[in-house]
Structure formats: C-alpha cells, structure tokens
Protein backbone atom coordinates (compact mmCIF):
# COMPACT_ATOMS: atom_id res chain seq x y z
CA MET A 1 169.00 127.78 135.42
CA LYS A 2 168.86 129.62 138.89
CA ALA A 3 166.57 128.10 141.41
CA LEU A 4 164.35 131.00 141.01
CA GLN A 5 164.03 130.44 137.28
CA TYR A 6 162.50 126.96 138.22
CA ALA A 7 160.26 128.03 140.44
CA GLN A 8 159.11 130.76 138.19
CA ASN A 9 158.92 128.15 135.43
CA VAL A 10 156.03 126.26 136.90
CA ALA A 11 154.46 128.81 139.62
CA GLU A 12 150.98 128.80 137.50
CA LEU A 13 151.49 125.30 136.50
CA PHE A 14 151.89 124.05 139.84
CA ALA A 15 149.53 125.84 141.84
CA LEU A 16 147.19 125.42 144.80
CA PRO A 17 143.95 124.80 144.25
CA GLU A 18 141.19 128.10 144.27
CA GLY A 19 139.69 126.46 147.27
CA TYR A 20 142.20 126.45 149.35
CA LEU A 21 143.72 129.73 148.46
CA ARG A 22 140.36 131.00 149.53
CA VAL A 23 140.76 129.13 152.88
CA LYS A 24 143.87 131.22 153.23
CA GLN A 25 142.57 134.54 152.23
CA LEU A 26 139.92 133.87 154.65
CA MET A 27 142.54 132.84 157.59
CA ASP A 28 144.53 135.57 156.79
CA SER A 29 141.88 138.00 157.58
CA ASP A 30 141.31 139.65 160.69
CA THR A 31 137.27 139.51 160.08
CA ALA A 32 136.77 136.19 159.32
CA SER A 33 134.82 133.69 161.65
CA LEU A 34 135.59 129.86 162.11
CA ASP A 35 131.94 129.25 161.14
CA GLU A 36 132.88 131.18 157.55
CA ILE A 37 136.11 129.13 157.54
CA ALA A 38 134.93 126.01 157.94
CA GLU A 39 132.06 126.56 155.52
CA VAL A 40 134.83 127.03 152.65
CA ILE A 41 136.45 124.03 153.70
CA MET A 42 133.25 121.89 153.77
CA LEU A 43 132.46 123.02 150.17
CA ASP A 44 135.67 120.75 149.30
CA PRO A 45 134.66 116.77 150.40
CA VAL A 46 137.93 115.13 150.36
CA LEU A 47 139.78 118.26 151.97
CA THR A 48 137.30 118.14 154.73
CA SER A 49 137.98 113.99 155.02
CA LYS A 50 141.54 114.44 154.78
CA LEU A 51 141.29 117.06 157.45
CA LEU A 52 139.28 115.73 159.79
CA LYS A 53 141.39 112.20 159.39
CA LEU A 54 144.55 114.10 160.41
CA ALA A 55 142.59 115.98 163.19
CA ASN A 56 142.14 112.63 164.96
CA SER A 57 145.25 110.98 164.13
CA ALA A 58 148.28 110.30 167.19
CA ILE A 59 150.10 113.16 165.87
CA TYR A 60 147.70 115.54 167.84
CA ASN A 61 146.70 112.78 170.14
CA LEU A 62 143.80 114.67 171.01
CA PRO A 63 141.61 112.96 173.64
CA TYR A 64 138.17 112.96 172.16
CA GLN A 65 136.88 112.44 168.48
CA VAL A 66 137.08 115.23 166.30
CA GLU A 67 133.76 114.79 164.39
CA SER A 68 133.52 118.52 162.39
CA VAL A 69 135.76 121.12 160.88
CA SER A 70 134.18 123.67 163.03
CA LYS A 71 135.41 121.40 166.32
CA ALA A 72 138.90 121.24 164.16
CA LEU A 73 139.27 124.72 163.97
CA LEU A 74 137.93 125.31 167.57
CA VAL A 75 140.21 122.77 169.18
CA LEU A 76 143.47 122.91 167.10
CA GLY A 77 143.15 126.62 166.17
CA LYS A 78 143.06 128.69 163.31
CA THR A 79 146.97 128.39 162.49
CA GLN A 80 146.89 124.19 162.94
CA VAL A 81 144.40 124.10 160.59
CA TYR A 82 145.81 126.39 157.86
CA ASN A 83 149.19 124.05 158.06
CA LEU A 84 147.07 121.16 157.67
CA VAL A 85 144.90 123.11 154.72
CA ILE A 86 148.09 123.76 153.09
CA SER A 87 149.72 120.86 153.24
CA ILE A 88 146.74 118.68 151.67
CA GLY A 89 146.93 121.23 149.26
CA ILE A 90 150.07 120.40 148.31
CA ALA A 91 149.96 117.02 147.92
CA SER A 92 146.66 117.66 145.74
CA ALA A 93 148.64 120.00 143.57
CA CYS A 94 151.52 117.29 143.05
CA SER A 95 148.96 114.84 142.20
CA LYS A 96 148.81 116.34 139.07
CA ILE A 97 152.24 116.24 138.05
CA ASP A 98 153.77 113.08 135.64
CA THR A 99 156.01 111.56 138.34
CA SER A 100 157.08 108.45 136.59
CA ALA A 101 160.97 109.61 136.24
CA ILE A 102 161.47 109.61 139.93
CA ASP A 103 160.40 106.97 142.73
CA LEU A 104 157.51 108.78 143.87
CA GLU A 105 157.26 106.84 147.31
CA ARG A 106 160.36 107.20 147.75
CA PHE A 107 159.42 110.95 147.75
CA TRP A 108 156.46 110.77 149.96
CA GLU A 109 157.58 108.45 152.38
CA GLN A 110 161.20 110.80 152.71
CA SER A 111 158.68 114.16 153.13
CA ILE A 112 156.34 112.55 155.48
CA ASN A 113 158.97 111.28 157.50
CA ALA A 114 160.99 114.92 157.99
CA ALA A 115 157.48 115.98 158.63
CA LEU A 116 156.95 113.75 161.45
CA ILE A 117 160.27 113.85 162.90
CA ALA A 118 160.36 117.97 162.54
CA LYS A 119 157.22 117.60 164.86
CA PHE A 120 158.00 115.62 167.15
CA LEU A 121 161.62 117.25 167.94
CA ALA A 122 160.11 120.72 168.07
CA GLN A 123 157.48 119.15 170.88
CA SER A 124 160.71 117.73 172.62
CA CYS A 125 162.47 121.28 172.36
CA GLN A 126 158.96 122.96 173.28
CA LEU A 127 158.55 124.95 170.68
CA LYS A 128 155.18 125.93 169.20
CA PRO A 129 152.94 125.74 167.17
CA THR A 130 154.92 122.49 166.05
CA ASP A 131 152.76 122.39 163.15
CA ARG A 132 154.79 125.07 161.22
CA TYR A 133 157.43 122.57 161.58
CA TYR A 134 155.71 119.67 160.36
CA VAL A 135 154.59 122.00 156.97
CA ALA A 136 158.37 122.85 156.74
CA GLY A 137 159.38 119.08 156.84
CA LEU A 138 156.60 118.21 154.77
CA LEU A 139 157.83 120.78 151.86
CA HIS A 140 161.53 120.71 152.52
CA ASN A 141 161.96 118.69 149.25
CA ILE A 142 159.19 120.24 146.98
CA GLY A 143 162.16 121.41 144.94
CA GLU A 144 162.57 117.89 143.77
CA MET A 145 158.53 118.21 142.36
CA VAL A 146 159.49 121.88 140.99
CA LEU A 147 162.79 120.48 138.91
CA LEU A 148 160.32 117.46 137.53
CA HIS A 149 158.32 120.07 136.28
CA ASN A 150 161.29 122.01 134.29
CA SER A 151 163.08 118.83 133.17
CA ALA A 152 162.09 115.28 133.74
CA GLU A 153 165.63 114.05 132.71
CA LEU A 154 167.33 116.51 135.08
CA ALA A 155 165.39 115.16 138.03
CA HIS A 156 166.02 111.43 137.37
CA GLN A 157 169.66 112.24 137.33
CA CYS A 158 169.47 113.83 140.80
CA GLN A 159 167.63 110.88 142.70
CA GLU A 160 171.02 109.35 141.55
CA TYR A 161 172.75 109.83 144.84
CA SER A 162 174.71 107.47 146.45
CA ALA A 163 176.83 106.90 149.70
CA ASP A 164 179.85 109.36 148.52
CA GLU A 165 177.75 112.04 147.09
CA LYS A 166 174.81 113.03 149.31
CA PRO A 167 171.15 114.19 147.52
CA TRP A 168 171.77 118.14 148.04
CA GLN A 169 175.27 117.47 146.63
CA ARG A 170 174.28 115.67 143.54
CA GLN A 171 171.51 118.30 142.87
CA GLN A 172 174.13 121.38 143.30
CA ALA A 173 176.80 119.35 140.72
CA ILE A 174 173.71 118.92 138.37
CA LEU A 175 171.69 121.97 138.48
CA GLY A 176 173.85 124.56 139.90
CA CYS A 177 171.57 125.00 142.70
CA THR A 178 169.74 122.49 145.52
CA TYR A 179 166.06 121.26 145.68
CA ALA A 180 166.19 123.26 148.89
CA GLU A 181 166.50 126.15 147.20
CA CYS A 182 164.50 125.48 144.60
CA GLY A 183 161.40 124.66 146.77
CA ALA A 184 161.69 127.63 149.12
CA GLU A 185 161.26 129.96 146.13
CA LEU A 186 158.50 128.33 145.10
CA LEU A 187 157.13 128.49 148.66
CA HIS A 188 158.01 132.60 148.33
CA LEU A 189 155.49 132.86 145.19
CA TRP A 190 152.83 131.11 146.75
CA GLN A 191 153.18 133.80 149.47
CA LEU A 192 153.59 131.24 152.62
CA PRO A 193 154.98 132.23 155.73
CA ASP A 194 158.79 132.93 156.23
CA SER A 195 158.58 130.94 159.23
CA ILE A 196 157.93 128.02 156.76
CA VAL A 197 159.88 129.06 154.06
CA GLU A 198 163.07 130.37 155.78
CA PRO A 199 163.87 126.76 157.16
CA VAL A 200 163.41 124.98 153.97
CA ALA A 201 165.69 127.32 151.99
CA LEU A 202 168.53 126.90 154.96
CA GLN A 203 168.02 123.01 155.47
CA HIS A 204 171.58 122.39 154.20
CA SER A 205 173.59 125.43 155.74
CA HIS A 206 176.19 124.69 158.21
CA LYS A 207 175.84 128.21 160.20
CA PHE A 208 174.05 126.96 163.12
CA ASP A 209 172.40 129.83 164.71
CA PRO A 210 171.47 129.01 168.02
CA LYS A 211 168.24 131.25 168.08
CA ASN A 212 167.04 129.95 164.35
CA LYS A 213 165.78 126.78 166.36
CA SER A 214 163.26 126.16 163.19
CA GLN A 215 166.78 125.96 160.65
CA LEU A 216 168.28 123.67 163.64
CA VAL A 217 165.10 121.15 163.66
CA ILE A 218 164.51 121.37 160.05
CA TYR A 219 168.07 120.13 159.54
CA LEU A 220 167.97 117.77 161.39
CA SER A 221 164.76 116.41 160.64
CA VAL A 222 165.87 116.14 156.96
CA ARG A 223 169.08 114.20 157.59
CA LEU A 224 167.31 111.73 159.54
CA ALA A 225 164.71 111.39 157.46
CA LEU A 226 167.11 110.22 154.91
CA ALA A 227 169.10 108.05 157.36
CA ASN A 228 165.66 106.18 158.03
CA GLN A 229 164.76 106.23 153.85
CA HIS A 230 168.14 105.04 152.99
CA PRO A 231 169.86 102.89 155.69
CA GLU A 232 172.06 100.94 153.24
CA LEU A 233 173.37 104.52 152.39
CA TYR A 234 174.01 106.78 155.30
CA SER A 235 174.00 106.18 159.05
CA THR A 236 172.67 109.71 161.64
CA ARG A 237 175.84 109.32 162.67
CA GLN A 238 177.43 110.36 159.34
CA LEU A 239 174.91 112.72 158.40
CA VAL A 240 174.05 115.00 161.57
CA ASP A 241 176.44 117.23 163.05
CA PRO A 242 176.63 116.46 166.91
CA PHE A 243 176.89 120.03 167.31
CA VAL A 244 173.07 120.78 166.59
CA LEU A 245 172.11 118.02 169.21
CA GLU A 246 173.96 120.43 171.64
CA LEU A 247 172.21 123.55 170.63
CA LEU A 248 168.71 121.91 170.96
CA ASP A 249 169.59 119.83 174.31
CA LEU A 250 168.56 116.69 172.39
CA THR A 251 169.91 113.15 173.12
CA GLN A 252 170.25 110.31 171.61
CA GLN A 253 167.40 108.90 172.92
CA ASP A 254 165.46 111.40 171.88
CA ILE A 255 166.69 110.87 168.06
CA ILE A 256 164.97 107.34 168.55
CA ARG A 257 161.93 108.01 169.57
CA ALA A 258 161.35 110.76 166.98
CA ILE A 259 162.57 107.89 164.41
CA ASP A 260 160.57 105.24 165.48
CA PHE A 261 157.39 108.09 165.95
CA CYS A 262 157.55 108.68 162.21
CA ASN A 263 157.98 104.89 161.49
CA THR A 264 154.57 103.98 164.07
CA GLU A 265 152.44 107.32 162.14
CA GLY A 266 154.12 107.51 158.57
CA LEU A 267 152.14 105.14 156.81
CA PHE A 268 148.83 106.47 158.19
CA ILE A 269 149.89 110.13 157.11
CA LEU A 270 151.00 108.87 153.85
CA SER A 271 147.26 107.29 153.14
CA VAL A 272 145.85 110.28 153.93
CA LEU A 273 148.00 112.93 151.65
CA ASN A 274 148.87 110.43 149.29
CA PRO A 275 146.19 107.47 148.87
CA ARG A 276 147.65 106.45 145.33
CA ILE A 277 150.85 105.33 147.55
CA SER A 278 149.30 103.68 150.08
CA THR A 279 145.73 102.06 150.34
CA ILE A 280 146.21 100.07 153.46
CA TYR A 281 144.13 102.71 155.43
C-alpha cells in the first residue's frame, strides 16, 4: 500500500476536532478579529488551559504572565497561537486511538524532543517564525499513528528497529514507504501549510539544499531526538551528516545546548500535550 492510501484510509477517522478547524478557518480569514478568534478558542476549556500553559512555558520565555487567550494572541501573534492550537488539536486526535500495540511513551517523548530541538535550532539559526519548526518537529512521526489506524500489527513490527536498522529503514522494508511519507500525506489532507508538510516529508532525504533551512533543521532535529531517546542504540555522530551542521553554521556546542533544552522542558510539554503519559505537573 502507498503512503497516500494509508493516509486516505484514516483521514476521516483520525481528524482534528471541529473546534480546532473553526479556529483554523478564522485564522486563515482576512476579516476575523483577534477577539473573534479568542472567543472560539475559549469555547473549549481544555484547549484554553493547554494554550495558556504553553504560552507561559520556557519555550517562549516571556517576561510576564499571559493570563488570557486575547493576550496570548496579542503577544505571540496569530501564527504562533495557530501552531500551538494545531499541536494541541493533533494531540487530542491521537488520544482517541488505541495505542496498545506501540510504546506510546516513546512516541510522545521522541515527538516532543524533536519539536523542542527544532525550535531551539531555529532560534540559534535566526530562522523565523520558530514555531513552525516546533510543529514540524512535533509532527515528524505522525505517520506512526496513521499506520496504527491501518494495521496495529505492522505498527508493532515497525517499532522493532535496532542499531543496525534505523526506524525509517525498517519502515521502508516492511511498508514500502516511511512514516515521514504517510504523515506528510495526512498533513496535506488536513490542509496544513506547506512550510510544515514539506520538512516532514523530506526529513530522511540526503539531498541537502542549502536554501531549504526547514528541511535541514527537521532532518537534524529528528536524528538528535532519536539519539537522545535511544542512547543505547545510536549516537549523534552515527546519525547526523556533519555537512548539515556546516550548512546551518552550527557547532557541537549548539547541539549539546539543544538537547539540554529538550531534556529540561520536555517533561512539562509532555504533561500538557499528553497527560496520559505524564501526571507530574
């Protein structure tokens, strides 16, 4: 089965909640005011709570508390709030899936680590808006949920990767495509921006375009998150092409700081996006 078929099979079942789609419509509109957008967000108390928690987290490092959705929109801007809403909405959609066939903690930790590393690297490279890198990192492995909806058995087999067979190599061997391809097709069906879909689709490509910073950042973030998740299997030197560091003008010290940032903030973000995994906060 092709990646598009996997995505089409789940597009209706695995969908963003209606309220999130309404927020997207308003944010895409040229006429909707910030107050109108805030009103729709506040109709969902769970979305409102999670949005404010994330807005006040260290990933934004604001000098003051954001106490309302209207203020979040004003301070962060529509684009960043939209990206946070999409992140929360997709986490909500994932929560409705039977995930017993895979290691759900591993899935979320790796997704959030990639998101935080991507945001940190984008800031280091002075790439804006940094939030779309965060969202692309968060969604880099959403194809695993796509396959899980199609075949729990195949999803279980795909997570049995090893030091000699990287996750995307195992996916290709079993499925004939990768989670990156499946996920990009789903995100395309959800009509997410190309600036998010493209780096997800290209995360395993070794055709590095110096001008395509999004691809380079997500390629690097995915591999750093994987090495951080499985130090017993992989090292960053084993997974990362040093040419990518050159193209992004990054040093090993930048990499260390990015991983430290995700390790420091990851548990909090995990507790917000998927409280089933972490109940510490």
